[in-house]
């Protein structure tokens, strides 16, 4: 009787418990990865803004930084005033 219970648990319940644990760990890792990516994206935007300001103080004309992304080559629109 005990052996049947263990076999039943091992074949029907244990796989679901393990799958739930794996999915839970994957969700935690995804949240951490998303937070890190967001942090890096913000740092990149700050760096890009700094370069934009530096170029404009040195007399270069650059296209405005668009939050939706660029439309082509990054060199388009660069030049002297």
PDB file of N, CA and C in Angstrom:
ATOM      1  N   UNK A   1       0.826  -1.204   0.000  1.00  0.00           N
ATOM      2  CA  UNK A   1       0.000   0.000   0.000  1.00  0.00           C
ATOM      3  C   UNK A   1       0.871   1.270   0.000  1.00  0.00           C
ATOM      4  N   UNK A   2       1.882   1.288   0.842  1.00  0.00           N
ATOM      5  CA  UNK A   2       2.762   2.451   0.897  1.00  0.00           C
ATOM      6  C   UNK A   2       3.512   2.597  -0.421  1.00  0.00           C
ATOM      7  N   UNK A   3       3.926   1.485  -0.982  1.00  0.00           N
ATOM      8  CA  UNK A   3       4.659   1.530  -2.239  1.00  0.00           C
ATOM      9  C   UNK A   3       3.781   2.071  -3.365  1.00  0.00           C
ATOM     10  N   UNK A   4       2.506   1.729  -3.371  1.00  0.00           N
ATOM     11  CA  UNK A   4       1.604   2.270  -4.391  1.00  0.00           C
ATOM     12  C   UNK A   4       1.457   3.785  -4.230  1.00  0.00           C
ATOM     13  N   UNK A   5       1.387   4.250  -3.001  1.00  0.00           N
ATOM     14  CA  UNK A   5       1.280   5.691  -2.754  1.00  0.00           C
ATOM     15  C   UNK A   5       2.516   6.436  -3.234  1.00  0.00           C
ATOM     16  N   UNK A   6       3.696   5.860  -2.943  1.00  0.00           N
ATOM     17  CA  UNK A   6       4.941   6.490  -3.390  1.00  0.00           C
ATOM     18  C   UNK A   6       5.023   6.509  -4.916  1.00  0.00           C
ATOM     19  N   UNK A   7       4.656   5.427  -5.534  1.00  0.00           N
ATOM     20  CA  UNK A   7       4.683   5.347  -6.998  1.00  0.00           C
ATOM     21  C   UNK A   7       3.714   6.360  -7.601  1.00  0.00           C
ATOM     22  N   UNK A   8       2.541   6.455  -7.025  1.00  0.00           N
ATOM     23  CA  UNK A   8       1.544   7.419  -7.500  1.00  0.00           C
ATOM     24  C   UNK A   8       2.078   8.854  -7.370  1.00  0.00           C
ATOM     25  N   UNK A   9       2.664   9.152  -6.209  1.00  0.00           N
ATOM     26  CA  UNK A   9       3.228  10.486  -5.981  1.00  0.00           C
ATOM     27  C   UNK A   9       4.364  10.759  -6.959  1.00  0.00           C
ATOM     28  N   UNK A  10       5.255   9.804  -7.108  1.00  0.00           N
ATOM     29  CA  UNK A  10       6.431   9.966  -7.965  1.00  0.00           C
ATOM     30  C   UNK A  10       6.047  10.158  -9.434  1.00  0.00           C
ATOM     31  N   UNK A  11       5.028   9.488  -9.883  1.00  0.00           N
ATOM     32  CA  UNK A  11       4.688   9.553 -11.309  1.00  0.00           C
ATOM     33  C   UNK A  11       3.685  10.651 -11.649  1.00  0.00           C
ATOM     34  N   UNK A  12       2.867  11.103 -10.693  1.00  0.00           N
ATOM     35  CA  UNK A  12       1.818  12.067 -11.014  1.00  0.00           C
ATOM     36  C   UNK A  12       1.982  13.427 -10.347  1.00  0.00           C
ATOM     37  N   UNK A  13       2.506  13.484  -9.148  1.00  0.00           N
ATOM     38  CA  UNK A  13       2.580  14.751  -8.420  1.00  0.00           C
ATOM     39  C   UNK A  13       3.962  15.378  -8.539  1.00  0.00           C
ATOM     40  N   UNK A  14       5.003  14.595  -8.327  1.00  0.00           N
ATOM     41  CA  UNK A  14       6.373  15.108  -8.326  1.00  0.00           C
ATOM     42  C   UNK A  14       6.754  15.844  -9.612  1.00  0.00           C
ATOM     43  N   UNK A  15       6.419  15.330 -10.792  1.00  0.00           N
ATOM     44  CA  UNK A  15       6.774  16.087 -12.007  1.00  0.00           C
ATOM     45  C   UNK A  15       6.137  17.482 -12.045  1.00  0.00           C
ATOM     46  N   UNK A  16       4.915  17.616 -11.547  1.00  0.00           N
ATOM     47  CA  UNK A  16       4.262  18.925 -11.540  1.00  0.00           C
ATOM     48  C   UNK A  16       4.927  19.865 -10.537  1.00  0.00           C
ATOM     49  N   UNK A  17       5.328  19.335  -9.393  1.00  0.00           N
ATOM     50  CA  UNK A  17       6.030  20.157  -8.407  1.00  0.00           C
ATOM     51  C   UNK A  17       7.371  20.646  -8.953  1.00  0.00           C
ATOM     52  N   UNK A  18       8.097  19.758  -9.595  1.00  0.00           N
ATOM     53  CA  UNK A  18       9.383  20.147 -10.187  1.00  0.00           C
ATOM     54  C   UNK A  18       9.195  21.167 -11.312  1.00  0.00           C
ATOM     55  N   UNK A  19       8.210  20.949 -12.143  1.00  0.00           N
ATOM     56  CA  UNK A  19       7.946  21.896 -13.229  1.00  0.00           C
ATOM     57  C   UNK A  19       7.575  23.265 -12.674  1.00  0.00           C
ATOM     58  N   UNK A  20       6.768  23.302 -11.630  1.00  0.00           N
ATOM     59  CA  UNK A  20       6.403  24.577 -11.010  1.00  0.00           C
ATOM     60  C   UNK A  20       7.614  25.294 -10.431  1.00  0.00           C
ATOM     61  N   UNK A  21       8.521  24.543  -9.813  1.00  0.00           N
ATOM     62  CA  UNK A  21       9.738  25.141  -9.252  1.00  0.00           C
ATOM     63  C   UNK A  21      10.625  25.707 -10.356  1.00  0.00           C
ATOM     64  N   UNK A  22      10.775  24.971 -11.440  1.00  0.00           N
ATOM     65  CA  UNK A  22      11.602  25.441 -12.560  1.00  0.00           C
ATOM     66  C   UNK A  22      11.004  26.698 -13.171  1.00  0.00           C
ATOM     67  N   UNK A  23       9.711  26.725 -13.379  1.00  0.00           N
ATOM     68  CA  UNK A  23       9.051  27.902 -13.960  1.00  0.00           C
ATOM     69  C   UNK A  23       9.165  29.093 -13.023  1.00  0.00           C
ATOM     70  N   UNK A  24       9.049  28.858 -11.722  1.00  0.00           N
ATOM     71  CA  UNK A  24       9.221  29.945 -10.753  1.00  0.00           C
ATOM     72  C   UNK A  24      10.616  30.534 -10.807  1.00  0.00           C
ATOM     73  N   UNK A  25      11.632  29.686 -10.876  1.00  0.00           N
ATOM     74  CA  UNK A  25      13.010  30.175 -10.977  1.00  0.00           C
ATOM     75  C   UNK A  25      13.236  30.936 -12.275  1.00  0.00           C
ATOM     76  N   UNK A  26      12.668  30.440 -13.356  1.00  0.00           N
ATOM     77  CA  UNK A  26      12.817  31.131 -14.641  1.00  0.00           C
ATOM     78  C   UNK A  26      12.163  32.510 -14.603  1.00  0.00           C
ATOM     79  N   UNK A  27      11.029  32.637 -13.944  1.00  0.00           N
ATOM     80  CA  UNK A  27      10.343  33.926 -13.837  1.00  0.00           C
ATOM     81  C   UNK A  27      11.178  34.915 -13.032  1.00  0.00           C
ATOM     82  N   UNK A  28      11.791  34.456 -11.955  1.00  0.00           N
ATOM     83  CA  UNK A  28      12.641  35.331 -11.138  1.00  0.00           C
ATOM     84  C   UNK A  28      13.838  35.802 -11.952  1.00  0.00           C
ATOM     85  N   UNK A  29      14.471  34.896 -12.674  1.00  0.00           N
ATOM     86  CA  UNK A  29      15.622  35.267 -13.497  1.00  0.00           C
ATOM     87  C   UNK A  29      15.221  36.252 -14.589  1.00  0.00           C
ATOM     88  N   UNK A  30      14.064  36.070 -15.189  1.00  0.00           N
ATOM     89  CA  UNK A  30      13.592  36.979 -16.240  1.00  0.00           C
ATOM     90  C   UNK A  30      13.368  38.376 -15.679  1.00  0.00           C
ATOM     91  N   UNK A  31      12.793  38.463 -14.469  1.00  0.00           N
ATOM     92  CA  UNK A  31      12.579  39.771 -13.851  1.00  0.00           C
ATOM     93  C   UNK A  31      13.910  40.468 -13.563  1.00  0.00           C
ATOM     94  N   UNK A  32      14.890  39.720 -13.063  1.00  0.00           N
ATOM     95  CA  UNK A  32      16.212  40.297 -12.794  1.00  0.00           C
ATOM     96  C   UNK A  32      16.874  40.762 -14.083  1.00  0.00           C
ATOM     97  N   UNK A  33      16.780  39.950 -15.119  1.00  0.00           N
ATOM     98  CA  UNK A  33      17.381  40.296 -16.406  1.00  0.00           C
ATOM     99  C   UNK A  33      16.720  41.546 -16.997  1.00  0.00           C
ATOM    100  N   UNK A  34      15.405  41.645 -16.881  1.00  0.00           N
ATOM    101  CA  UNK A  34      14.683  42.801 -17.398  1.00  0.00           C
ATOM    102  C   UNK A  34      15.074  44.069 -16.644  1.00  0.00           C
ATOM    103  N   UNK A  35      15.212  43.963 -15.325  1.00  0.00           N
ATOM    104  CA  UNK A  35      15.618  45.127 -14.526  1.00  0.00           C
ATOM    105  C   UNK A  35      17.027  45.571 -14.909  1.00  0.00           C
ATOM    106  N   UNK A  36      17.935  44.630 -15.101  1.00  0.00           N
ATOM    107  CA  UNK A  36      19.321  44.966 -15.488  1.00  0.00           C
ATOM    108  C   UNK A  36      19.341  45.603 -16.877  1.00  0.00           C
ATOM    109  N   UNK A  37      18.568  45.070 -17.803  1.00  0.00           N
ATOM    110  CA  UNK A  37      18.513  45.638 -19.145  1.00  0.00           C
ATOM    111  C   UNK A  37      17.972  47.062 -19.118  1.00  0.00           C
ATOM    112  N   UNK A  38      16.962  47.311 -18.298  1.00  0.00           N
ATOM    113  CA  UNK A  38      16.394  48.647 -18.176  1.00  0.00           C
ATOM    114  C   UNK A  38      17.438  49.622 -17.637  1.00  0.00           C
ATOM    115  N   UNK A  39      18.205  49.174 -16.638  1.00  0.00           N
ATOM    116  CA  UNK A  39      19.269  50.007 -16.070  1.00  0.00           C
ATOM    117  C   UNK A  39      20.326  50.341 -17.124  1.00  0.00           C
ATOM    118  N   UNK A  40      20.728  49.350 -17.909  1.00  0.00           N
ATOM    119  CA  UNK A  40      21.731  49.582 -18.948  1.00  0.00           C
ATOM    120  C   UNK A  40      21.198  50.491 -20.049  1.00  0.00           C
ATOM    121  N   UNK A  41      19.934  50.354 -20.382  1.00  0.00           N
ATOM    122  CA  UNK A  41      19.332  51.204 -21.401  1.00  0.00           C
ATOM    123  C   UNK A  41      19.300  52.661 -20.948  1.00  0.00           C
ATOM    124  N   UNK A  42      18.969  52.891 -19.673  1.00  0.00           N
ATOM    125  CA  UNK A  42      18.969  54.257 -19.152  1.00  0.00           C
ATOM    126  C   UNK A  42      20.381  54.845 -19.152  1.00  0.00           C
ATOM    127  N   UNK A  43      21.381  54.039 -18.786  1.00  0.00           N
ATOM    128  CA  UNK A  43      22.761  54.511 -18.805  1.00  0.00           C
ATOM    129  C   UNK A  43      23.200  54.853 -20.231  1.00  0.00           C
ATOM    130  N   UNK A  44      22.783  54.042 -21.197  1.00  0.00           N
ATOM    131  CA  UNK A  44      23.127  54.302 -22.590  1.00  0.00           C
ATOM    132  C   UNK A  44      22.476  55.601 -23.066  1.00  0.00           C
ATOM    133  N   UNK A  45      21.245  55.835 -22.675  1.00  0.00           N
ATOM    134  CA  UNK A  45      20.554  57.067 -23.070  1.00  0.00           C
ATOM    135  C   UNK A  45      21.248  58.289 -22.480  1.00  0.00           C
ATOM    136  N   UNK A  46      21.708  58.185 -21.230  1.00  0.00           N
ATOM    137  CA  UNK A  46      22.433  59.296 -20.612  1.00  0.00           C
ATOM    138  C   UNK A  46      23.744  59.558 -21.336  1.00  0.00           C
ATOM    139  N   UNK A  47      24.447  58.501 -21.711  1.00  0.00           N
ATOM    140  CA  UNK A  47      25.704  58.647 -22.443  1.00  0.00           C
ATOM    141  C   UNK A  47      25.465  59.279 -23.805  1.00  0.00           C
ATOM    142  N   UNK A  48      24.427  58.852 -24.478  1.00  0.00           N
ATOM    143  CA  UNK A  48      24.104  59.409 -25.787  1.00  0.00           C
ATOM    144  C   UNK A  48      23.757  60.881 -25.683  1.00  0.00           C
ATOM    145  N   UNK A  49      23.034  61.253 -24.648  1.00  0.00           N
ATOM    146  CA  UNK A  49      22.701  62.657 -24.433  1.00  0.00           C
ATOM    147  C   UNK A  49      23.967  63.471 -24.163  1.00  0.00           C
ATOM    148  N   UNK A  50      24.908  62.906 -23.409  1.00  0.00           N
ATOM    149  CA  UNK A  50      26.177  63.596 -23.142  1.00  0.00           C
ATOM    150  C   UNK A  50      26.965  63.816 -24.428  1.00  0.00           C
ATOM    151  N   UNK A  51      27.016  62.809 -25.279  1.00  0.00           N
ATOM    152  CA  UNK A  51      27.717  62.948 -26.562  1.00  0.00           C
ATOM    153  C   UNK A  51      27.016  63.983 -27.431  1.00  0.00           C
ATOM    154  N   UNK A  52      25.708  63.978 -27.428  1.00  0.00           N
ATOM    155  CA  UNK A  52      24.931  64.945 -28.206  1.00  0.00           C
ATOM    156  C   UNK A  52      25.253  66.374 -27.749  1.00  0.00           C
ATOM    157  N   UNK A  53      25.306  66.591 -26.448  1.00  0.00           N
ATOM    158  CA  UNK A  53      25.618  67.914 -25.902  1.00  0.00           C
ATOM    159  C   UNK A  53      27.054  68.304 -26.242  1.00  0.00           C
ATOM    160  N   UNK A  54      27.982  67.359 -26.095  1.00  0.00           N
ATOM    161  CA  UNK A  54      29.384  67.645 -26.404  1.00  0.00           C
ATOM    162  C   UNK A  54      29.561  68.033 -27.867  1.00  0.00           C
ATOM    163  N   UNK A  55      28.927  67.302 -28.764  1.00  0.00           N
ATOM    164  CA  UNK A  55      29.045  67.627 -30.189  1.00  0.00           C
ATOM    165  C   UNK A  55      28.439  68.998 -30.490  1.00  0.00           C
ATOM    166  N   UNK A  56      27.340  69.315 -29.868  1.00  0.00           N
ATOM    167  CA  UNK A  56      26.713  70.608 -30.148  1.00  0.00           C
ATOM    168  C   UNK A  56      27.554  71.765 -29.606  1.00  0.00           C
ATOM    169  N   UNK A  57      28.262  71.561 -28.510  1.00  0.00           N
ATOM    170  CA  UNK A  57      29.129  72.628 -27.992  1.00  0.00           C
ATOM    171  C   UNK A  57      30.353  72.823 -28.862  1.00  0.00           C
ATOM    172  N   UNK A  58      30.719  71.838 -29.649  1.00  0.00           N
ATOM    173  CA  UNK A  58      31.886  71.944 -30.525  1.00  0.00           C
ATOM    174  C   UNK A  58      31.504  72.349 -31.945  1.00  0.00           C
ATOM    175  N   UNK A  59      30.249  72.711 -32.152  1.00  0.00           N
ATOM    176  CA  UNK A  59      29.842  73.227 -33.444  1.00  0.00           C
ATOM    177  C   UNK A  59      29.237  72.223 -34.398  1.00  0.00           C
ATOM    178  N   UNK A  60      29.027  71.027 -33.993  1.00  0.00           N
ATOM    179  CA  UNK A  60      28.409  70.036 -34.868  1.00  0.00           C
ATOM    180  C   UNK A  60      26.895  70.129 -34.757  1.00  0.00           C
ATOM    181  N   UNK A  61      26.243  69.867 -35.869  1.00  0.00           N
ATOM    182  CA  UNK A  61      24.788  69.793 -35.881  1.00  0.00           C
ATOM    183  C   UNK A  61      24.427  68.314 -35.943  1.00  0.00           C
ATOM    184  N   UNK A  62      23.616  67.877 -35.031  1.00  0.00           N
ATOM    185  CA  UNK A  62      23.192  66.482 -35.040  1.00  0.00           C
ATOM    186  C   UNK A  62      21.675  66.433 -34.950  1.00  0.00           C
ATOM    187  N   UNK A  63      21.096  65.388 -35.477  1.00  0.00           N
ATOM    188  CA  UNK A  63      19.638  65.279 -35.427  1.00  0.00           C
ATOM    189  C   UNK A  63      19.183  65.152 -33.978  1.00  0.00           C
ATOM    190  N   UNK A  64      17.982  65.578 -33.672  1.00  0.00           N
ATOM    191  CA  UNK A  64      17.489  65.433 -32.297  1.00  0.00           C
ATOM    192  C   UNK A  64      17.366  63.957 -31.926  1.00  0.00           C
ATOM    193  N   UNK A  65      17.559  63.681 -30.667  1.00  0.00           N
ATOM    194  CA  UNK A  65      17.457  62.301 -30.194  1.00  0.00           C
ATOM    195  C   UNK A  65      15.979  61.956 -30.084  1.00  0.00           C
ATOM    196  N   UNK A  66      15.594  60.953 -30.835  1.00  0.00           N
ATOM    197  CA  UNK A  66      14.198  60.540 -30.875  1.00  0.00           C
ATOM    198  C   UNK A  66      13.980  59.384 -29.906  1.00  0.00           C
ATOM    199  N   UNK A  67      12.969  59.445 -29.046  1.00  0.00           N
ATOM    200  CA  UNK A  67      12.730  58.329 -28.134  1.00  0.00           C
ATOM    201  C   UNK A  67      12.210  57.073 -28.830  1.00  0.00           C
ATOM    202  N   UNK A  68      11.729  57.218 -30.072  1.00  0.00           N
ATOM    203  CA  UNK A  68      11.201  56.055 -30.790  1.00  0.00           C
ATOM    204  C   UNK A  68      12.246  55.382 -31.649  1.00  0.00           C
ATOM    205  N   UNK A  69      13.457  55.942 -31.715  1.00  0.00           N
ATOM    206  CA  UNK A  69      14.508  55.310 -32.501  1.00  0.00           C
ATOM    207  C   UNK A  69      14.802  56.113 -33.748  1.00  0.00           C
ATOM    208  N   UNK A  70      15.951  55.810 -34.328  1.00  0.00           N
ATOM    209  CA  UNK A  70      16.396  56.536 -35.512  1.00  0.00           C
ATOM    210  C   UNK A  70      15.797  55.977 -36.778  1.00  0.00           C
ATOM    211  N   UNK A  71      16.110  56.654 -37.889  1.00  0.00           N
ATOM    212  CA  UNK A  71      15.547  56.221 -39.164  1.00  0.00           C
ATOM    213  C   UNK A  71      16.603  55.751 -40.142  1.00  0.00           C
ATOM    214  N   UNK A  72      17.860  55.795 -39.757  1.00  0.00           N
ATOM    215  CA  UNK A  72      18.881  55.381 -40.714  1.00  0.00           C
ATOM    216  C   UNK A  72      20.266  55.444 -40.118  1.00  0.00           C
ATOM    217  N   UNK A  73      21.190  55.870 -40.956  1.00  0.00           N
ATOM    218  CA  UNK A  73      22.590  55.941 -40.555  1.00  0.00           C
ATOM    219  C   UNK A  73      22.776  56.986 -39.456  1.00  0.00           C
ATOM    220  N   UNK A  74      23.627  56.690 -38.458  1.00  0.00           N
ATOM    221  CA  UNK A  74      23.845  57.664 -37.391  1.00  0.00           C
ATOM    222  C   UNK A  74      24.590  58.901 -37.870  1.00  0.00           C
ATOM    223  N   UNK A  75      25.234  58.852 -39.042  1.00  0.00           N
ATOM    224  CA  UNK A  75      25.975  60.005 -39.526  1.00  0.00           C
ATOM    225  C   UNK A  75      25.090  60.984 -40.285  1.00  0.00           C
ATOM    226  N   UNK A  76      23.870  60.640 -40.546  1.00  0.00           N
ATOM    227  CA  UNK A  76      22.964  61.533 -41.270  1.00  0.00           C
ATOM    228  C   UNK A  76      22.691  62.764 -40.415  1.00  0.00           C
ATOM    229  N   UNK A  77      22.914  63.936 -40.989  1.00  0.00           N
ATOM    230  CA  UNK A  77      22.613  65.178 -40.281  1.00  0.00           C
ATOM    231  C   UNK A  77      23.792  65.746 -39.519  1.00  0.00           C
ATOM    232  N   UNK A  78      24.930  65.066 -39.467  1.00  0.00           N
ATOM    233  CA  UNK A  78      26.089  65.610 -38.777  1.00  0.00           C
ATOM    234  C   UNK A  78      26.827  66.553 -39.707  1.00  0.00           C
ATOM    235  N   UNK A  79      27.292  67.646 -39.183  1.00  0.00           N
ATOM    236  CA  UNK A  79      28.045  68.600 -39.986  1.00  0.00           C
ATOM    237  C   UNK A  79      28.344  69.843 -39.154  1.00  0.00           C
ATOM    238  N   UNK A  80      28.990  70.814 -39.759  1.00  0.00           N
ATOM    239  CA  UNK A  80      29.313  72.063 -39.081  1.00  0.00           C
ATOM    240  C   UNK A  80      28.206  73.057 -39.281  1.00  0.00           C
ATOM    241  N   UNK A  81      28.084  73.976 -38.329  1.00  0.00           N
ATOM    242  CA  UNK A  81      27.082  75.035 -38.448  1.00  0.00           C
ATOM    243  C   UNK A  81      27.574  76.110 -39.379  1.00  0.00           C
TER     244      UNK A  81
END
